[in-house]
């Protein structure tokens, strides 16, 4: 991961292309051109704004953001992260869309006494954030759909620049959703206020690096528990704690084993209870490595568990948490034949990447900032 420097997205991408094993994609280059233009506009905007302060009531126009969409594994998140780390701004935030909406609902409760909590929230975000990067933008919840139209419009009116990635074009968001007509204003805002860019490619770059470490095990192959136990002991080097549960927010969650930086759960405990994204966020922030035993095949019969598993993998992936797990089937066969939707493809693709040496070498990247820029507890 590069650090914040005065390097443009184009220069950053060229450096990546020069590295051995990296495939320079012509369609990604087209996206880099758009990101380069936005980067230049934001740098110029910042310089002009600094010149205007104290001299004039005028302010330069805020640049228009980007909505980048395309298939799973086409490099959308990679390009967003590169842009984010190139931009020499302090008032910037990069967050997975799931996490963003969790924080929105939490902040709305805290602001319940305001005359208009949603506008009060927009004011708070604007004070701490000029650039807001939302990764994996998709809507599958009526409460989120009802909020987003006003919130997105309010943020853009206040000069917050949005950079989003999604597997769907704006018109493909929340298809057939309950009361979808109430979400149409949000779609209109995205299409009107952001430049929509389709990152189209025939290559899934998460599949290119297939150097696997023995961290994912299939239960039918035998000895998975013994292998996990051996790996846990080697990782913790005798620092295991004498505890059978950990406290997450206000709830205790049973664990098989735990140390300061490694924790081991049973799938039924972690995804079979009433846990949500906030629970998984706290776990991901606290533990760089997580073991999960007994992950079943995902089907209609365990739909609630499968949904929580989706949240879990998104959270672990976004924070570069290392996953050691035993499965009922190989990750690429985890979803049954009835599941060919984008979400199932995304999770299968992320599980594949999480086994690669590239992913395992990434530093634990706990994004523990709150929605309004303060450190999370």
Protein backbone atom coordinates (compact mmCIF):
# COMPACT_ATOMS: atom_id res chain seq x y z
CA UNK A 1 0.00 0.00 0.00
CA UNK A 2 1.49 3.34 -0.97
CA UNK A 3 1.55 6.23 1.43
CA UNK A 4 0.07 9.68 0.87
CA UNK A 5 2.43 11.48 -1.51
CA UNK A 6 2.21 14.08 -4.23
CA UNK A 7 2.05 11.37 -6.89
CA UNK A 8 -0.73 11.29 -9.44
CA UNK A 9 -2.90 8.22 -10.15
CA UNK A 10 -1.34 7.87 -13.59
CA UNK A 11 2.19 7.81 -12.16
CA UNK A 12 1.08 5.39 -9.44
CA UNK A 13 -0.49 3.02 -11.97
CA UNK A 14 2.57 3.15 -14.23
CA UNK A 15 4.73 2.17 -11.25
CA UNK A 16 2.39 -0.79 -10.65
CA UNK A 17 2.61 -1.78 -14.33
CA UNK A 18 6.40 -1.85 -14.10
CA UNK A 19 6.31 -4.44 -11.33
CA UNK A 20 6.90 -8.08 -12.22
CA UNK A 21 3.70 -10.08 -12.46
CA UNK A 22 1.36 -7.08 -12.78
CA UNK A 23 -0.93 -7.05 -15.82
CA UNK A 24 -1.45 -3.56 -17.22
CA UNK A 25 -5.06 -3.47 -18.43
CA UNK A 26 -6.09 -1.08 -21.22
CA UNK A 27 -9.59 -0.72 -19.74
CA UNK A 28 -8.15 0.10 -16.34
CA UNK A 29 -6.02 2.72 -18.11
CA UNK A 30 -9.21 4.40 -19.32
CA UNK A 31 -10.42 4.55 -15.71
CA UNK A 32 -7.02 5.89 -14.64
CA UNK A 33 -7.47 8.76 -17.12
CA UNK A 34 -10.72 9.72 -15.37
CA UNK A 35 -9.15 9.36 -11.92
CA UNK A 36 -6.18 11.44 -13.05
CA UNK A 37 -8.53 14.21 -14.18
CA UNK A 38 -10.40 14.14 -10.86
CA UNK A 39 -7.11 14.14 -8.93
CA UNK A 40 -5.92 17.20 -10.87
CA UNK A 41 -9.25 18.97 -10.23
CA UNK A 42 -9.13 18.24 -6.50
CA UNK A 43 -5.51 19.40 -6.17
CA UNK A 44 -6.36 22.59 -8.09
CA UNK A 45 -9.51 23.06 -6.01
CA UNK A 46 -7.50 22.84 -2.80
CA UNK A 47 -4.91 25.33 -4.04
CA UNK A 48 -7.55 27.81 -5.21
CA UNK A 49 -9.48 27.47 -1.97
CA UNK A 50 -6.37 28.24 0.05
CA UNK A 51 -5.85 31.35 -2.08
CA UNK A 52 -9.46 32.49 -1.67
CA UNK A 53 -9.51 32.12 2.13
CA UNK A 54 -9.16 35.49 3.77
CA UNK A 55 -9.29 37.37 0.47
CA UNK A 56 -12.75 36.80 -0.96
CA UNK A 57 -16.15 35.36 -0.19
CA UNK A 58 -15.96 33.48 -3.47
CA UNK A 59 -15.03 29.83 -3.54
CA UNK A 60 -14.02 27.63 -6.50
CA UNK A 61 -16.47 25.10 -7.86
CA UNK A 62 -16.30 21.68 -6.25
CA UNK A 63 -15.18 18.95 -8.70
CA UNK A 64 -17.68 16.35 -9.83
CA UNK A 65 -17.17 12.86 -8.41
CA UNK A 66 -17.07 9.43 -10.07
CA UNK A 67 -19.28 6.33 -10.01
CA UNK A 68 -17.23 3.36 -11.24
CA UNK A 69 -19.10 0.13 -11.92
CA UNK A 70 -18.26 -3.21 -13.45
CA UNK A 71 -18.04 -6.95 -12.84
CA UNK A 72 -16.48 -8.71 -9.88
CA UNK A 73 -12.66 -8.66 -9.71
CA UNK A 74 -12.09 -6.06 -12.42
CA UNK A 75 -9.92 -3.84 -10.21
CA UNK A 76 -12.43 -1.24 -9.04
CA UNK A 77 -11.37 -1.37 -5.39
CA UNK A 78 -7.68 -1.48 -6.39
CA UNK A 79 -8.06 1.72 -8.42
CA UNK A 80 -10.08 3.46 -5.71
CA UNK A 81 -7.48 2.64 -3.07
CA UNK A 82 -4.69 3.90 -5.31
CA UNK A 83 -6.53 7.18 -5.92
CA UNK A 84 -7.28 7.58 -2.22
CA UNK A 85 -3.67 7.20 -1.18
CA UNK A 86 -2.41 9.48 -3.97
CA UNK A 87 -4.66 12.39 -3.03
CA UNK A 88 -2.83 14.84 -0.71
CA UNK A 89 -5.90 15.57 1.43
CA UNK A 90 -6.42 15.14 5.15
CA UNK A 91 -10.21 15.44 4.97
CA UNK A 92 -10.83 12.16 3.15
CA UNK A 93 -12.51 8.89 4.06
CA UNK A 94 -12.53 5.48 2.41
CA UNK A 95 -15.10 2.97 3.71
CA UNK A 96 -17.04 -0.07 2.56
CA UNK A 97 -20.65 0.83 1.81
CA UNK A 98 -21.98 -1.74 4.31
CA UNK A 99 -19.98 -0.10 7.09
CA UNK A 100 -21.03 3.37 6.01
CA UNK A 101 -24.70 2.52 6.32
CA UNK A 102 -24.18 0.89 9.72
CA UNK A 103 -22.59 4.11 10.93
CA UNK A 104 -25.34 6.22 9.34
CA UNK A 105 -28.01 4.38 11.34
CA UNK A 106 -25.95 4.69 14.53
CA UNK A 107 -25.43 8.43 14.04
CA UNK A 108 -29.11 8.95 13.27
CA UNK A 109 -29.98 7.51 16.68
CA UNK A 110 -27.51 9.86 18.37
CA UNK A 111 -29.00 12.83 16.50
CA UNK A 112 -32.62 11.84 17.10
CA UNK A 113 -33.37 15.05 19.03
CA UNK A 114 -32.35 17.28 16.12
CA UNK A 115 -35.17 18.81 14.09
CA UNK A 116 -33.83 17.03 11.00
CA UNK A 117 -31.35 14.29 12.02
CA UNK A 118 -30.40 13.49 8.43
CA UNK A 119 -29.38 17.07 7.64
CA UNK A 120 -27.54 17.30 10.96
CA UNK A 121 -25.63 14.17 9.97
CA UNK A 122 -24.78 15.65 6.57
CA UNK A 123 -23.39 18.71 8.37
CA UNK A 124 -21.20 16.51 10.60
CA UNK A 125 -19.83 14.53 7.66
CA UNK A 126 -19.10 17.70 5.69
CA UNK A 127 -17.03 19.15 8.53
CA UNK A 128 -14.64 16.18 8.50
CA UNK A 129 -14.74 14.92 4.91
CA UNK A 130 -14.10 16.51 1.54
CA UNK A 131 -13.60 13.25 -0.37
CA UNK A 132 -15.80 10.27 0.54
CA UNK A 133 -14.90 6.95 -1.12
CA UNK A 134 -17.67 4.34 -0.89
CA UNK A 135 -16.62 0.85 -1.98
CA UNK A 136 -19.10 -1.81 -3.17
CA UNK A 137 -22.13 0.50 -3.37
CA UNK A 138 -25.28 -1.61 -3.44
CA UNK A 139 -28.64 -1.39 -1.73
CA UNK A 140 -30.69 -4.32 -0.48
CA UNK A 141 -32.48 -2.79 2.50
CA UNK A 142 -35.60 -0.62 2.46
CA UNK A 143 -34.37 1.50 5.37
CA UNK A 144 -31.14 2.30 3.51
CA UNK A 145 -33.07 3.06 0.33
CA UNK A 146 -35.32 5.54 2.16
CA UNK A 147 -32.33 7.39 3.66
CA UNK A 148 -29.94 7.54 0.72
CA UNK A 149 -31.85 9.88 -1.61
CA UNK A 150 -31.79 12.79 0.83
CA UNK A 151 -28.41 12.03 2.35
CA UNK A 152 -26.50 11.79 -0.93
CA UNK A 153 -28.11 14.97 -2.20
CA UNK A 154 -27.32 16.79 1.05
CA UNK A 155 -23.66 15.70 1.02
CA UNK A 156 -23.19 16.82 -2.58
CA UNK A 157 -24.87 20.16 -1.86
CA UNK A 158 -22.37 20.68 0.97
CA UNK A 159 -19.40 20.10 -1.30
CA UNK A 160 -18.52 16.51 -0.37
CA UNK A 161 -16.95 14.80 -3.39
CA UNK A 162 -18.07 11.17 -3.86
CA UNK A 163 -16.05 8.39 -5.43
CA UNK A 164 -17.97 5.12 -5.49
CA UNK A 165 -17.49 1.62 -6.86
CA UNK A 166 -20.29 -0.81 -7.56
CA UNK A 167 -21.05 -4.04 -9.38
CA UNK A 168 -24.16 -2.36 -10.76
CA UNK A 169 -24.89 0.69 -12.93
CA UNK A 170 -26.97 3.33 -11.11
CA UNK A 171 -30.17 2.17 -12.83
CA UNK A 172 -29.45 -1.39 -11.68
CA UNK A 173 -29.35 -0.56 -7.98
CA UNK A 174 -32.03 -2.02 -5.68
CA UNK A 175 -33.80 -3.89 -8.51
CA UNK A 176 -37.29 -5.09 -7.61
CA UNK A 177 -36.77 -3.72 -4.10
CA UNK A 178 -39.64 -2.93 -1.78
CA UNK A 179 -40.99 0.57 -2.53
CA UNK A 180 -38.21 1.06 -5.09
CA UNK A 181 -39.89 4.24 -6.29
CA UNK A 182 -38.69 5.89 -3.10
CA UNK A 183 -35.09 5.11 -4.09
CA UNK A 184 -35.38 6.60 -7.58
CA UNK A 185 -34.40 10.11 -6.36
CA UNK A 186 -31.10 8.66 -5.09
CA UNK A 187 -30.46 7.09 -8.51
CA UNK A 188 -31.24 10.42 -10.17
CA UNK A 189 -28.76 12.19 -7.87
CA UNK A 190 -26.00 9.69 -8.70
CA UNK A 191 -26.55 10.02 -12.45
CA UNK A 192 -26.83 13.81 -12.35
CA UNK A 193 -24.03 14.67 -9.93
CA UNK A 194 -21.42 11.96 -10.62
CA UNK A 195 -19.68 10.90 -13.80
CA UNK A 196 -20.66 7.27 -14.42
CA UNK A 197 -17.81 5.09 -15.69
CA UNK A 198 -18.14 1.45 -16.76
CA UNK A 199 -14.98 -0.53 -15.98
CA UNK A 200 -15.49 -3.42 -18.39
CA UNK A 201 -12.97 -6.25 -18.65
CA UNK A 202 -12.90 -9.96 -19.46
CA UNK A 203 -10.36 -10.67 -16.71
CA UNK A 204 -10.95 -11.31 -13.01
CA UNK A 205 -7.68 -10.13 -11.50
CA UNK A 206 -8.35 -11.83 -8.19
CA UNK A 207 -7.87 -15.13 -10.00
CA UNK A 208 -4.41 -14.29 -11.38
CA UNK A 209 -2.48 -14.89 -8.19
CA UNK A 210 -3.14 -18.50 -7.23
CA UNK A 211 -0.26 -19.18 -4.90
CA UNK A 212 -2.17 -20.76 -2.03
CA UNK A 213 -1.17 -21.20 1.56
CA UNK A 214 -2.84 -24.08 3.44
CA UNK A 215 -5.28 -21.85 5.29
CA UNK A 216 -8.58 -23.02 3.78
CA UNK A 217 -9.48 -26.65 4.42
CA UNK A 218 -12.33 -28.85 3.23
CA UNK A 219 -13.76 -30.94 6.07
CA UNK A 220 -14.36 -34.01 3.88
CA UNK A 221 -10.65 -34.23 3.16
CA UNK A 222 -10.04 -35.00 6.84
CA UNK A 223 -7.69 -33.68 9.53
CA UNK A 224 -8.89 -30.09 9.08
CA UNK A 225 -9.35 -29.54 12.81
CA UNK A 226 -5.90 -30.93 13.56
CA UNK A 227 -4.32 -28.70 10.91
CA UNK A 228 -6.15 -25.65 12.24
CA UNK A 229 -5.12 -26.50 15.79
CA UNK A 230 -1.49 -26.83 14.76
CA UNK A 231 -1.55 -23.55 12.88
CA UNK A 232 -3.24 -21.75 15.79
CA UNK A 233 -0.53 -22.95 18.19
CA UNK A 234 2.24 -21.85 15.81
CA UNK A 235 0.69 -18.42 15.27
CA UNK A 236 0.08 -17.71 18.94
CA UNK A 237 3.41 -19.17 20.19
CA UNK A 238 2.08 -20.00 23.62
CA UNK A 239 0.25 -16.69 24.17
CA UNK A 240 -3.22 -18.24 24.25
CA UNK A 241 -5.60 -16.77 26.82
CA UNK A 242 -7.64 -18.81 29.25
CA UNK A 243 -11.02 -17.60 28.02
CA UNK A 244 -14.10 -19.16 26.46
CA UNK A 245 -15.72 -15.94 25.18
CA UNK A 246 -14.90 -12.39 24.17
CA UNK A 247 -16.95 -9.23 24.72
CA UNK A 248 -18.04 -7.51 21.51
CA UNK A 249 -19.91 -4.27 22.10
CA UNK A 250 -22.39 -5.27 24.83
CA UNK A 251 -22.50 -8.99 24.07
CA UNK A 252 -20.28 -11.95 24.90
CA UNK A 253 -19.50 -14.30 21.99
CA UNK A 254 -18.29 -17.84 22.62
CA UNK A 255 -14.86 -18.70 21.18
CA UNK A 256 -12.99 -21.96 20.85
CA UNK A 257 -9.61 -20.35 21.51
CA UNK A 258 -8.27 -16.82 21.70
CA UNK A 259 -5.02 -14.92 22.06
CA UNK A 260 -4.18 -11.25 21.84
CA UNK A 261 -4.20 -11.19 18.02
CA UNK A 262 -5.87 -14.46 16.98
CA UNK A 263 -9.40 -15.70 17.72
CA UNK A 264 -11.16 -18.95 16.76
CA UNK A 265 -14.95 -19.20 16.30
CA UNK A 266 -17.43 -21.84 15.26
CA UNK A 267 -19.46 -20.74 12.24
CA UNK A 268 -22.77 -21.41 13.99
CA UNK A 269 -21.79 -19.06 16.81
CA UNK A 270 -20.41 -16.29 14.64
CA UNK A 271 -23.02 -16.33 11.85
CA UNK A 272 -25.91 -18.18 13.44
CA UNK A 273 -26.80 -15.70 16.18
CA UNK A 274 -28.08 -12.14 15.99
CA UNK A 275 -24.79 -10.49 15.09
CA UNK A 276 -24.55 -7.65 12.56
CA UNK A 277 -21.87 -5.72 10.67
CA UNK A 278 -20.96 -3.67 13.75
CA UNK A 279 -20.04 -6.82 15.67
CA UNK A 280 -17.89 -8.04 12.79
CA UNK A 281 -16.25 -4.62 12.47
CA UNK A 282 -15.17 -4.65 16.10
CA UNK A 283 -13.78 -8.17 15.76
CA UNK A 284 -11.93 -7.23 12.56
CA UNK A 285 -10.47 -4.12 14.20
CA UNK A 286 -9.23 -6.13 17.17
CA UNK A 287 -7.87 -9.34 15.60
CA UNK A 288 -5.55 -9.48 12.56
CA UNK A 289 -6.21 -13.23 12.19
CA UNK A 290 -9.52 -15.09 12.60
CA UNK A 291 -10.20 -18.83 12.53
CA UNK A 292 -13.69 -20.11 11.64
CA UNK A 293 -14.66 -23.79 11.81
CA UNK A 294 -17.54 -25.56 10.11
CA UNK A 295 -18.54 -23.18 7.31
CA UNK A 296 -21.40 -24.95 5.46
CA UNK A 297 -22.56 -24.69 1.87
CA UNK A 298 -24.78 -21.64 1.42
CA UNK A 299 -28.37 -22.33 0.42
CA UNK A 300 -31.94 -21.16 0.90
CA UNK A 301 -32.16 -23.30 4.03
CA UNK A 302 -29.52 -21.25 5.84
CA UNK A 303 -30.30 -17.89 4.23
CA UNK A 304 -29.91 -15.82 7.42
CA UNK A 305 -26.55 -17.39 8.19
CA UNK A 306 -25.46 -16.91 4.57
CA UNK A 307 -26.32 -13.20 4.78
CA UNK A 308 -24.25 -12.77 7.93
CA UNK A 309 -21.42 -14.70 6.30
CA UNK A 310 -21.51 -12.18 3.44
CA UNK A 311 -21.20 -9.32 5.94
CA UNK A 312 -18.36 -11.12 7.72
CA UNK A 313 -16.29 -11.71 4.59
CA UNK A 314 -16.78 -8.13 3.38
CA UNK A 315 -15.59 -6.81 6.74
CA UNK A 316 -12.59 -9.15 6.97
CA UNK A 317 -11.56 -8.44 3.38
CA UNK A 318 -11.84 -4.67 3.75
CA UNK A 319 -9.63 -4.70 6.86
CA UNK A 320 -7.09 -7.20 5.45
CA UNK A 321 -7.86 -9.72 8.18
CA UNK A 322 -6.32 -13.14 7.59
CA UNK A 323 -8.91 -15.96 7.56
CA UNK A 324 -8.15 -19.58 8.44
CA UNK A 325 -11.22 -21.76 7.95
CA UNK A 326 -12.70 -25.19 7.40
CA UNK A 327 -15.45 -25.51 4.78
CA UNK A 328 -18.00 -28.12 3.82
CA UNK A 329 -16.99 -27.45 0.20
CA UNK A 330 -14.25 -25.60 -1.63
CA UNK A 331 -14.85 -21.82 -1.63
CA UNK A 332 -15.59 -21.76 -5.36
CA UNK A 333 -18.34 -24.34 -4.77
CA UNK A 334 -19.66 -22.82 -1.56
CA UNK A 335 -22.79 -21.43 -3.19
CA UNK A 336 -25.28 -23.82 -4.72
CA UNK A 337 -26.36 -23.85 -8.34
CA UNK A 338 -29.30 -21.57 -7.48
CA UNK A 339 -26.93 -18.77 -6.45
CA UNK A 340 -25.39 -17.04 -9.47
CA UNK A 341 -26.02 -13.47 -8.34
CA UNK A 342 -23.38 -10.77 -8.06
CA UNK A 343 -23.16 -11.05 -4.27
CA UNK A 344 -22.36 -14.76 -4.38
CA UNK A 345 -19.76 -14.14 -7.09
CA UNK A 346 -18.18 -11.35 -5.05
CA UNK A 347 -17.83 -13.46 -1.91
CA UNK A 348 -16.45 -16.45 -3.83
CA UNK A 349 -13.97 -14.14 -5.57
CA UNK A 350 -12.90 -12.52 -2.30
CA UNK A 351 -12.42 -15.91 -0.64
CA UNK A 352 -10.18 -16.90 -3.54
CA UNK A 353 -8.11 -13.73 -3.18
CA UNK A 354 -7.85 -14.12 0.59
CA UNK A 355 -5.80 -17.29 0.01
CA UNK A 356 -3.20 -15.61 -2.19
CA UNK A 357 0.25 -14.59 -1.06
CA UNK A 358 -0.48 -11.02 -2.17
CA UNK A 359 -3.42 -10.74 0.22
CA UNK A 360 -1.62 -12.49 3.07
CA UNK A 361 1.24 -10.02 2.80
CA UNK A 362 -1.04 -7.01 3.19
CA UNK A 363 -0.77 -5.30 6.59
CA UNK A 364 -3.78 -5.45 8.89
CA UNK A 365 -5.66 -2.32 7.88
CA UNK A 366 -8.28 -1.68 10.53
CA UNK A 367 -10.36 1.23 9.31
CA UNK A 368 -11.36 2.21 12.81
CA UNK A 369 -12.45 5.79 12.17
CA UNK A 370 -16.00 6.84 12.82
CA UNK A 371 -18.27 8.33 10.19
CA UNK A 372 -17.43 11.87 11.24
CA UNK A 373 -13.70 11.40 11.49
CA UNK A 374 -13.15 10.64 15.17
CA UNK A 375 -11.31 7.52 16.28
CA UNK A 376 -13.58 4.59 16.97
CA UNK A 377 -13.51 3.12 20.42
